[in-house]
Every structure is written in structure tokens, then in C-alpha cells.
């Protein structure tokens, strides 16, 4: 099994628009509200609901890993709501 890879943090608004991304600069300014992982999980909507209800927490989903040749991998991200921004950092495994 490949070692886990940590992603630099990202920032999103509460409507799914990428405000900053530590790796995927091509995503900045794009709205990904309707994005789903390969299993159909609307992870951006899910983490937005999570932080609006609890302030912060962990969420698991699948995502392209740019550090592994864009291979689809499992990912766990910690997200937190701060000043109407969702700040997240995740690890691929």
C-alpha cells in the first residue's frame, strides 16, 4: 500500500466556490457545489452541512490525487467554518 499523502489546505465559500487551493490552482474561482465523487457522494455539499451544523469535523470521500498521477483515492479531510469560509486539509490513503 502506498503511503498517505497530505494535501495543503484549501478554502471554500459556503456556496461551493474555491477561494484558494494549495495544489490545484486551476480550481480557484470555480464553483464545485454539484461535484460528486466516483461513488456519487456530493462531498462539498456534505462538508458544508457538517461545518454549518457542528463548526468543524472530518469527512471521507474519493478524489483525484494530483500527487499520485491523478489516481482516484480515498481521502479524509478535516474542515472548519471560519468567517463564512470553509477551511480544509486532507490526507489521501
PDB file of N, CA and C in Angstrom:
ATOM      1  N   UNK A   1       0.836  -1.176   0.000  1.00  0.00           N
ATOM      2  CA  UNK A   1       0.000   0.000   0.000  1.00  0.00           C
ATOM      3  C   UNK A   1       0.886   1.246   0.000  1.00  0.00           C
ATOM      4  N   UNK A   2       0.499   2.231  -0.805  1.00  0.00           N
ATOM      5  CA  UNK A   2       1.255   3.475  -0.888  1.00  0.00           C
ATOM      6  C   UNK A   2       1.064   4.287   0.390  1.00  0.00           C
ATOM      7  N   UNK A   3       2.091   5.067   0.772  1.00  0.00           N
ATOM      8  CA  UNK A   3       1.947   5.899   1.967  1.00  0.00           C
ATOM      9  C   UNK A   3       0.900   6.987   1.743  1.00  0.00           C
ATOM     10  N   UNK A   4       0.343   7.463   2.819  1.00  0.00           N
ATOM     11  CA  UNK A   4      -0.642   8.545   2.741  1.00  0.00           C
ATOM     12  C   UNK A   4       0.042   9.818   2.272  1.00  0.00           C
ATOM     13  N   UNK A   5      -0.701  10.673   1.614  1.00  0.00           N
ATOM     14  CA  UNK A   5      -0.173  11.949   1.146  1.00  0.00           C
ATOM     15  C   UNK A   5      -1.049  13.064   1.690  1.00  0.00           C
ATOM     16  N   UNK A   6      -0.442  14.031   2.348  1.00  0.00           N
ATOM     17  CA  UNK A   6      -1.165  15.150   2.920  1.00  0.00           C
ATOM     18  C   UNK A   6      -1.339  16.240   1.878  1.00  0.00           C
ATOM     19  N   UNK A   7      -2.528  16.807   1.828  1.00  0.00           N
ATOM     20  CA  UNK A   7      -2.794  17.920   0.917  1.00  0.00           C
ATOM     21  C   UNK A   7      -2.654  19.220   1.686  1.00  0.00           C
ATOM     22  N   UNK A   8      -2.110  20.240   1.029  1.00  0.00           N
ATOM     23  CA  UNK A   8      -2.080  21.555   1.629  1.00  0.00           C
ATOM     24  C   UNK A   8      -3.505  22.052   1.761  1.00  0.00           C
ATOM     25  N   UNK A   9      -3.718  23.022   2.586  1.00  0.00           N
ATOM     26  CA  UNK A   9      -5.079  23.456   2.873  1.00  0.00           C
ATOM     27  C   UNK A   9      -5.754  24.129   1.685  1.00  0.00           C
ATOM     28  N   UNK A  10      -7.076  24.128   1.733  1.00  0.00           N
ATOM     29  CA  UNK A  10      -7.886  24.816   0.740  1.00  0.00           C
ATOM     30  C   UNK A  10      -8.939  25.631   1.467  1.00  0.00           C
ATOM     31  N   UNK A  11      -9.505  26.598   0.749  1.00  0.00           N
ATOM     32  CA  UNK A  11     -10.551  27.441   1.314  1.00  0.00           C
ATOM     33  C   UNK A  11     -11.691  27.548   0.318  1.00  0.00           C
ATOM     34  N   UNK A  12     -12.907  27.486   0.830  1.00  0.00           N
ATOM     35  CA  UNK A  12     -14.115  27.493   0.024  1.00  0.00           C
ATOM     36  C   UNK A  12     -15.121  28.444   0.649  1.00  0.00           C
ATOM     37  N   UNK A  13     -16.034  28.989  -0.163  1.00  0.00           N
ATOM     38  CA  UNK A  13     -17.151  29.700   0.452  1.00  0.00           C
ATOM     39  C   UNK A  13     -18.266  28.698   0.722  1.00  0.00           C
ATOM     40  N   UNK A  14     -19.332  29.152   1.362  1.00  0.00           N
ATOM     41  CA  UNK A  14     -20.405  28.235   1.748  1.00  0.00           C
ATOM     42  C   UNK A  14     -21.326  27.876   0.586  1.00  0.00           C
ATOM     43  N   UNK A  15     -21.011  28.357  -0.609  1.00  0.00           N
ATOM     44  CA  UNK A  15     -21.789  28.014  -1.801  1.00  0.00           C
ATOM     45  C   UNK A  15     -21.004  27.114  -2.754  1.00  0.00           C
ATOM     46  N   UNK A  16     -19.814  26.661  -2.321  1.00  0.00           N
ATOM     47  CA  UNK A  16     -19.039  25.707  -3.106  1.00  0.00           C
ATOM     48  C   UNK A  16     -17.985  26.285  -4.020  1.00  0.00           C
ATOM     49  N   UNK A  17     -17.701  27.580  -3.920  1.00  0.00           N
ATOM     50  CA  UNK A  17     -16.681  28.199  -4.771  1.00  0.00           C
ATOM     51  C   UNK A  17     -15.317  28.087  -4.100  1.00  0.00           C
ATOM     52  N   UNK A  18     -14.318  27.657  -4.879  1.00  0.00           N
ATOM     53  CA  UNK A  18     -12.954  27.522  -4.375  1.00  0.00           C
ATOM     54  C   UNK A  18     -12.328  28.913  -4.278  1.00  0.00           C
ATOM     55  N   UNK A  19     -11.925  29.303  -3.073  1.00  0.00           N
ATOM     56  CA  UNK A  19     -11.288  30.598  -2.853  1.00  0.00           C
ATOM     57  C   UNK A  19      -9.763  30.483  -2.893  1.00  0.00           C
ATOM     58  N   UNK A  20      -9.244  29.349  -2.478  1.00  0.00           N
ATOM     59  CA  UNK A  20      -7.797  29.099  -2.502  1.00  0.00           C
ATOM     60  C   UNK A  20      -7.590  27.597  -2.447  1.00  0.00           C
ATOM     61  N   UNK A  21      -6.526  27.137  -3.104  1.00  0.00           N
ATOM     62  CA  UNK A  21      -6.212  25.708  -3.077  1.00  0.00           C
ATOM     63  C   UNK A  21      -4.702  25.557  -3.095  1.00  0.00           C
ATOM     64  N   UNK A  22      -4.187  24.752  -2.178  1.00  0.00           N
ATOM     65  CA  UNK A  22      -2.743  24.602  -2.030  1.00  0.00           C
ATOM     66  C   UNK A  22      -2.056  23.847  -3.147  1.00  0.00           C
ATOM     67  N   UNK A  23      -2.793  23.109  -3.962  1.00  0.00           N
ATOM     68  CA  UNK A  23      -2.202  22.297  -5.022  1.00  0.00           C
ATOM     69  C   UNK A  23      -2.830  22.599  -6.377  1.00  0.00           C
ATOM     70  N   UNK A  24      -4.135  22.617  -6.450  1.00  0.00           N
ATOM     71  CA  UNK A  24      -4.863  22.737  -7.716  1.00  0.00           C
ATOM     72  C   UNK A  24      -5.272  24.183  -7.983  1.00  0.00           C
ATOM     73  N   UNK A  25      -4.322  24.973  -8.442  1.00  0.00           N
ATOM     74  CA  UNK A  25      -4.586  26.381  -8.710  1.00  0.00           C
ATOM     75  C   UNK A  25      -5.641  26.576  -9.792  1.00  0.00           C
ATOM     76  N   UNK A  26      -5.823  25.580 -10.665  1.00  0.00           N
ATOM     77  CA  UNK A  26      -6.826  25.661 -11.726  1.00  0.00           C
ATOM     78  C   UNK A  26      -8.249  25.686 -11.178  1.00  0.00           C
ATOM     79  N   UNK A  27      -8.433  25.314  -9.923  1.00  0.00           N
ATOM     80  CA  UNK A  27      -9.770  25.293  -9.329  1.00  0.00           C
ATOM     81  C   UNK A  27     -10.188  26.636  -8.732  1.00  0.00           C
ATOM     82  N   UNK A  28      -9.251  27.537  -8.534  1.00  0.00           N
ATOM     83  CA  UNK A  28      -9.566  28.810  -7.877  1.00  0.00           C
ATOM     84  C   UNK A  28     -10.630  29.574  -8.654  1.00  0.00           C
ATOM     85  N   UNK A  29     -11.658  30.010  -7.932  1.00  0.00           N
ATOM     86  CA  UNK A  29     -12.746  30.769  -8.528  1.00  0.00           C
ATOM     87  C   UNK A  29     -13.854  29.909  -9.115  1.00  0.00           C
ATOM     88  N   UNK A  30     -13.658  28.595  -9.157  1.00  0.00           N
ATOM     89  CA  UNK A  30     -14.664  27.700  -9.744  1.00  0.00           C
ATOM     90  C   UNK A  30     -15.647  27.232  -8.678  1.00  0.00           C
ATOM     91  N   UNK A  31     -16.900  27.130  -9.072  1.00  0.00           N
ATOM     92  CA  UNK A  31     -17.916  26.610  -8.175  1.00  0.00           C
ATOM     93  C   UNK A  31     -18.033  25.107  -8.400  1.00  0.00           C
ATOM     94  N   UNK A  32     -17.892  24.355  -7.321  1.00  0.00           N
ATOM     95  CA  UNK A  32     -17.930  22.892  -7.399  1.00  0.00           C
ATOM     96  C   UNK A  32     -19.067  22.310  -6.567  1.00  0.00           C
ATOM     97  N   UNK A  33     -20.090  23.118  -6.314  1.00  0.00           N
ATOM     98  CA  UNK A  33     -21.206  22.696  -5.471  1.00  0.00           C
ATOM     99  C   UNK A  33     -21.822  21.375  -5.932  1.00  0.00           C
ATOM    100  N   UNK A  34     -21.951  21.198  -7.219  1.00  0.00           N
ATOM    101  CA  UNK A  34     -22.604  19.996  -7.753  1.00  0.00           C
ATOM    102  C   UNK A  34     -21.639  18.820  -7.935  1.00  0.00           C
ATOM    103  N   UNK A  35     -20.369  18.998  -7.600  1.00  0.00           N
ATOM    104  CA  UNK A  35     -19.385  17.925  -7.767  1.00  0.00           C
ATOM    105  C   UNK A  35     -19.716  16.731  -6.880  1.00  0.00           C
ATOM    106  N   UNK A  36     -19.493  15.556  -7.428  1.00  0.00           N
ATOM    107  CA  UNK A  36     -19.681  14.307  -6.677  1.00  0.00           C
ATOM    108  C   UNK A  36     -18.450  13.444  -6.854  1.00  0.00           C
ATOM    109  N   UNK A  37     -18.179  12.613  -5.864  1.00  0.00           N
ATOM    110  CA  UNK A  37     -17.059  11.691  -6.008  1.00  0.00           C
ATOM    111  C   UNK A  37     -17.506  10.521  -6.888  1.00  0.00           C
ATOM    112  N   UNK A  38     -16.602   9.593  -7.235  1.00  0.00           N
ATOM    113  CA  UNK A  38     -16.960   8.484  -8.136  1.00  0.00           C
ATOM    114  C   UNK A  38     -18.107   7.605  -7.631  1.00  0.00           C
ATOM    115  N   UNK A  39     -18.364   7.636  -6.334  1.00  0.00           N
ATOM    116  CA  UNK A  39     -19.471   6.861  -5.777  1.00  0.00           C
ATOM    117  C   UNK A  39     -20.772   7.668  -5.719  1.00  0.00           C
ATOM    118  N   UNK A  40     -20.743   8.890  -6.235  1.00  0.00           N
ATOM    119  CA  UNK A  40     -21.937   9.735  -6.254  1.00  0.00           C
ATOM    120  C   UNK A  40     -22.138  10.567  -5.003  1.00  0.00           C
ATOM    121  N   UNK A  41     -21.152  10.614  -4.126  1.00  0.00           N
ATOM    122  CA  UNK A  41     -21.263  11.374  -2.877  1.00  0.00           C
ATOM    123  C   UNK A  41     -21.039  12.856  -3.156  1.00  0.00           C
ATOM    124  N   UNK A  42     -22.008  13.727  -2.803  1.00  0.00           N
ATOM    125  CA  UNK A  42     -21.835  15.175  -3.005  1.00  0.00           C
ATOM    126  C   UNK A  42     -21.008  15.773  -1.862  1.00  0.00           C
ATOM    127  N   UNK A  43     -19.717  15.513  -1.872  1.00  0.00           N
ATOM    128  CA  UNK A  43     -18.866  15.796  -0.727  1.00  0.00           C
ATOM    129  C   UNK A  43     -18.768  17.269  -0.366  1.00  0.00           C
ATOM    130  N   UNK A  44     -18.846  18.153  -1.316  1.00  0.00           N
ATOM    131  CA  UNK A  44     -18.783  19.579  -0.984  1.00  0.00           C
ATOM    132  C   UNK A  44     -20.057  19.987  -0.241  1.00  0.00           C
ATOM    133  N   UNK A  45     -21.199  19.508  -0.707  1.00  0.00           N
ATOM    134  CA  UNK A  45     -22.448  19.781  -0.003  1.00  0.00           C
ATOM    135  C   UNK A  45     -22.430  19.153   1.387  1.00  0.00           C
ATOM    136  N   UNK A  46     -21.874  17.933   1.476  1.00  0.00           N
ATOM    137  CA  UNK A  46     -21.807  17.239   2.765  1.00  0.00           C
ATOM    138  C   UNK A  46     -20.923  17.974   3.762  1.00  0.00           C
ATOM    139  N   UNK A  47     -19.751  18.446   3.324  1.00  0.00           N
ATOM    140  CA  UNK A  47     -18.882  19.107   4.296  1.00  0.00           C
ATOM    141  C   UNK A  47     -19.413  20.483   4.655  1.00  0.00           C
ATOM    142  N   UNK A  48     -20.136  21.117   3.722  1.00  0.00           N
ATOM    143  CA  UNK A  48     -20.754  22.409   4.042  1.00  0.00           C
ATOM    144  C   UNK A  48     -21.811  22.217   5.130  1.00  0.00           C
ATOM    145  N   UNK A  49     -22.637  21.209   4.993  1.00  0.00           N
ATOM    146  CA  UNK A  49     -23.649  20.909   6.004  1.00  0.00           C
ATOM    147  C   UNK A  49     -22.985  20.586   7.342  1.00  0.00           C
ATOM    148  N   UNK A  50     -21.912  19.797   7.298  1.00  0.00           N
ATOM    149  CA  UNK A  50     -21.193  19.422   8.508  1.00  0.00           C
ATOM    150  C   UNK A  50     -20.707  20.654   9.272  1.00  0.00           C
ATOM    151  N   UNK A  51     -20.030  21.581   8.592  1.00  0.00           N
ATOM    152  CA  UNK A  51     -19.483  22.744   9.296  1.00  0.00           C
ATOM    153  C   UNK A  51     -20.568  23.723   9.716  1.00  0.00           C
ATOM    154  N   UNK A  52     -21.662  23.794   8.952  1.00  0.00           N
ATOM    155  CA  UNK A  52     -22.755  24.679   9.354  1.00  0.00           C
ATOM    156  C   UNK A  52     -23.454  24.154  10.611  1.00  0.00           C
ATOM    157  N   UNK A  53     -23.518  22.833  10.765  1.00  0.00           N
ATOM    158  CA  UNK A  53     -24.174  22.240  11.928  1.00  0.00           C
ATOM    159  C   UNK A  53     -23.259  22.097  13.141  1.00  0.00           C
ATOM    160  N   UNK A  54     -21.975  21.774  12.905  1.00  0.00           N
ATOM    161  CA  UNK A  54     -21.082  21.447  14.016  1.00  0.00           C
ATOM    162  C   UNK A  54     -19.872  22.376  14.146  1.00  0.00           C
ATOM    163  N   UNK A  55     -19.606  23.207  13.142  1.00  0.00           N
ATOM    164  CA  UNK A  55     -18.451  24.102  13.193  1.00  0.00           C
ATOM    165  C   UNK A  55     -17.202  23.506  12.571  1.00  0.00           C
ATOM    166  N   UNK A  56     -17.001  22.188  12.763  1.00  0.00           N
ATOM    167  CA  UNK A  56     -15.839  21.504  12.187  1.00  0.00           C
ATOM    168  C   UNK A  56     -16.054  20.006  12.277  1.00  0.00           C
ATOM    169  N   UNK A  57     -15.194  19.270  11.566  1.00  0.00           N
ATOM    170  CA  UNK A  57     -15.255  17.816  11.638  1.00  0.00           C
ATOM    171  C   UNK A  57     -14.549  17.147  10.477  1.00  0.00           C
ATOM    172  N   UNK A  58     -14.562  15.833  10.491  1.00  0.00           N
ATOM    173  CA  UNK A  58     -13.928  15.000   9.463  1.00  0.00           C
ATOM    174  C   UNK A  58     -14.971  14.508   8.470  1.00  0.00           C
ATOM    175  N   UNK A  59     -14.563  14.375   7.214  1.00  0.00           N
ATOM    176  CA  UNK A  59     -15.411  13.809   6.172  1.00  0.00           C
ATOM    177  C   UNK A  59     -14.543  12.936   5.277  1.00  0.00           C
ATOM    178  N   UNK A  60     -15.087  11.823   4.809  1.00  0.00           N
ATOM    179  CA  UNK A  60     -14.370  10.925   3.904  1.00  0.00           C
ATOM    180  C   UNK A  60     -15.090  10.864   2.566  1.00  0.00           C
ATOM    181  N   UNK A  61     -14.296  10.814   1.495  1.00  0.00           N
ATOM    182  CA  UNK A  61     -14.812  10.759   0.126  1.00  0.00           C
ATOM    183  C   UNK A  61     -13.689  10.290  -0.778  1.00  0.00           C
ATOM    184  N   UNK A  62     -13.925  10.226  -2.071  1.00  0.00           N
ATOM    185  CA  UNK A  62     -12.888   9.860  -3.035  1.00  0.00           C
ATOM    186  C   UNK A  62     -12.606  11.067  -3.922  1.00  0.00           C
ATOM    187  N   UNK A  63     -11.334  11.246  -4.279  1.00  0.00           N
ATOM    188  CA  UNK A  63     -10.932  12.414  -5.059  1.00  0.00           C
ATOM    189  C   UNK A  63      -9.667  12.085  -5.847  1.00  0.00           C
ATOM    190  N   UNK A  64      -9.458  12.811  -6.937  1.00  0.00           N
ATOM    191  CA  UNK A  64      -8.216  12.679  -7.697  1.00  0.00           C
ATOM    192  C   UNK A  64      -7.052  13.152  -6.842  1.00  0.00           C
ATOM    193  N   UNK A  65      -5.984  12.382  -6.806  1.00  0.00           N
ATOM    194  CA  UNK A  65      -4.789  12.763  -6.059  1.00  0.00           C
ATOM    195  C   UNK A  65      -3.739  13.257  -7.051  1.00  0.00           C
ATOM    196  N   UNK A  66      -3.515  14.580  -7.129  1.00  0.00           N
ATOM    197  CA  UNK A  66      -2.537  15.103  -8.079  1.00  0.00           C
ATOM    198  C   UNK A  66      -1.107  14.638  -7.792  1.00  0.00           C
ATOM    199  N   UNK A  67      -0.829  14.248  -6.562  1.00  0.00           N
ATOM    200  CA  UNK A  67       0.498  13.766  -6.201  1.00  0.00           C
ATOM    201  C   UNK A  67       0.741  12.316  -6.593  1.00  0.00           C
ATOM    202  N   UNK A  68      -0.315  11.646  -7.077  1.00  0.00           N
ATOM    203  CA  UNK A  68      -0.205  10.242  -7.486  1.00  0.00           C
ATOM    204  C   UNK A  68      -0.713  10.079  -8.917  1.00  0.00           C
ATOM    205  N   UNK A  69      -0.408  11.061  -9.757  1.00  0.00           N
ATOM    206  CA  UNK A  69      -0.791  10.974 -11.162  1.00  0.00           C
ATOM    207  C   UNK A  69      -2.291  11.043 -11.402  1.00  0.00           C
ATOM    208  N   UNK A  70      -2.990  11.785 -10.533  1.00  0.00           N
ATOM    209  CA  UNK A  70      -4.448  11.941 -10.617  1.00  0.00           C
ATOM    210  C   UNK A  70      -5.208  10.630 -10.455  1.00  0.00           C
ATOM    211  N   UNK A  71      -4.623   9.714  -9.729  1.00  0.00           N
ATOM    212  CA  UNK A  71      -5.304   8.464  -9.382  1.00  0.00           C
ATOM    213  C   UNK A  71      -6.437   8.776  -8.399  1.00  0.00           C
ATOM    214  N   UNK A  72      -7.591   8.142  -8.580  1.00  0.00           N
ATOM    215  CA  UNK A  72      -8.692   8.312  -7.631  1.00  0.00           C
ATOM    216  C   UNK A  72      -8.360   7.527  -6.376  1.00  0.00           C
ATOM    217  N   UNK A  73      -8.378   8.242  -5.244  1.00  0.00           N
ATOM    218  CA  UNK A  73      -8.026   7.619  -3.964  1.00  0.00           C
ATOM    219  C   UNK A  73      -9.033   8.022  -2.895  1.00  0.00           C
ATOM    220  N   UNK A  74      -9.069   7.254  -1.837  1.00  0.00           N
ATOM    221  CA  UNK A  74      -9.840   7.655  -0.662  1.00  0.00           C
ATOM    222  C   UNK A  74      -9.170   8.874  -0.044  1.00  0.00           C
ATOM    223  N   UNK A  75      -9.993   9.738   0.534  1.00  0.00           N
ATOM    224  CA  UNK A  75      -9.457  10.937   1.162  1.00  0.00           C
ATOM    225  C   UNK A  75     -10.265  11.243   2.413  1.00  0.00           C
ATOM    226  N   UNK A  76      -9.581  11.632   3.458  1.00  0.00           N
ATOM    227  CA  UNK A  76     -10.215  12.115   4.680  1.00  0.00           C
ATOM    228  C   UNK A  76      -9.786  13.560   4.857  1.00  0.00           C
ATOM    229  N   UNK A  77     -10.750  14.448   5.043  1.00  0.00           N
ATOM    230  CA  UNK A  77     -10.453  15.868   5.214  1.00  0.00           C
ATOM    231  C   UNK A  77     -11.049  16.383   6.507  1.00  0.00           C
ATOM    232  N   UNK A  78     -10.286  17.239   7.167  1.00  0.00           N
ATOM    233  CA  UNK A  78     -10.800  17.974   8.309  1.00  0.00           C
ATOM    234  C   UNK A  78     -11.198  19.339   7.798  1.00  0.00           C
ATOM    235  N   UNK A  79     -12.442  19.738   8.070  1.00  0.00           N
ATOM    236  CA  UNK A  79     -12.947  21.035   7.603  1.00  0.00           C
ATOM    237  C   UNK A  79     -13.458  21.834   8.790  1.00  0.00           C
ATOM    238  N   UNK A  80     -13.326  23.155   8.668  1.00  0.00           N
ATOM    239  CA  UNK A  80     -13.765  24.051   9.735  1.00  0.00           C
ATOM    240  C   UNK A  80     -14.338  25.314   9.120  1.00  0.00           C
ATOM    241  N   UNK A  81     -15.399  25.821   9.722  1.00  0.00           N
ATOM    242  CA  UNK A  81     -16.019  27.061   9.261  1.00  0.00           C
ATOM    243  C   UNK A  81     -15.438  28.224  10.058  1.00  0.00           C
ATOM    244  N   UNK A  82     -14.898  29.205   9.345  1.00  0.00           N
ATOM    245  CA  UNK A  82     -14.297  30.383   9.981  1.00  0.00           C
ATOM    246  C   UNK A  82     -14.612  31.596   9.125  1.00  0.00           C
ATOM    247  N   UNK A  83     -15.333  32.559   9.684  1.00  0.00           N
ATOM    248  CA  UNK A  83     -15.676  33.792   8.966  1.00  0.00           C
ATOM    249  C   UNK A  83     -16.323  33.509   7.608  1.00  0.00           C
ATOM    250  N   UNK A  84     -17.285  32.598   7.591  1.00  0.00           N
ATOM    251  CA  UNK A  84     -18.028  32.213   6.380  1.00  0.00           C
ATOM    252  C   UNK A  84     -17.155  31.549   5.316  1.00  0.00           C
ATOM    253  N   UNK A  85     -15.994  31.071   5.721  1.00  0.00           N
ATOM    254  CA  UNK A  85     -15.105  30.319   4.834  1.00  0.00           C
ATOM    255  C   UNK A  85     -14.948  28.917   5.385  1.00  0.00           C
ATOM    256  N   UNK A  86     -14.935  27.940   4.490  1.00  0.00           N
ATOM    257  CA  UNK A  86     -14.664  26.565   4.889  1.00  0.00           C
ATOM    258  C   UNK A  86     -13.180  26.311   4.616  1.00  0.00           C
ATOM    259  N   UNK A  87     -12.454  26.013   5.655  1.00  0.00           N
ATOM    260  CA  UNK A  87     -11.018  25.745   5.531  1.00  0.00           C
ATOM    261  C   UNK A  87     -10.823  24.251   5.735  1.00  0.00           C
ATOM    262  N   UNK A  88     -10.115  23.621   4.808  1.00  0.00           N
ATOM    263  CA  UNK A  88      -9.943  22.183   4.889  1.00  0.00           C
ATOM    264  C   UNK A  88      -8.525  21.739   4.604  1.00  0.00           C
ATOM    265  N   UNK A  89      -8.192  20.596   5.149  1.00  0.00           N
ATOM    266  CA  UNK A  89      -6.911  19.944   4.897  1.00  0.00           C
ATOM    267  C   UNK A  89      -7.175  18.455   4.908  1.00  0.00           C
ATOM    268  N   UNK A  90      -6.655  17.746   3.889  1.00  0.00           N
ATOM    269  CA  UNK A  90      -6.975  16.339   3.799  1.00  0.00           C
ATOM    270  C   UNK A  90      -5.766  15.444   3.588  1.00  0.00           C
ATOM    271  N   UNK A  91      -6.008  14.163   3.756  1.00  0.00           N
ATOM    272  CA  UNK A  91      -4.979  13.159   3.543  1.00  0.00           C
ATOM    273  C   UNK A  91      -5.559  12.056   2.650  1.00  0.00           C
ATOM    274  N   UNK A  92      -4.784  11.683   1.642  1.00  0.00           N
ATOM    275  CA  UNK A  92      -5.160  10.575   0.748  1.00  0.00           C
ATOM    276  C   UNK A  92      -4.637   9.279   1.328  1.00  0.00           C
ATOM    277  N   UNK A  93      -5.384   8.195   1.120  1.00  0.00           N
ATOM    278  CA  UNK A  93      -4.917   6.896   1.632  1.00  0.00           C
ATOM    279  C   UNK A  93      -5.420   5.780   0.748  1.00  0.00           C
TER     280      UNK A  93
END
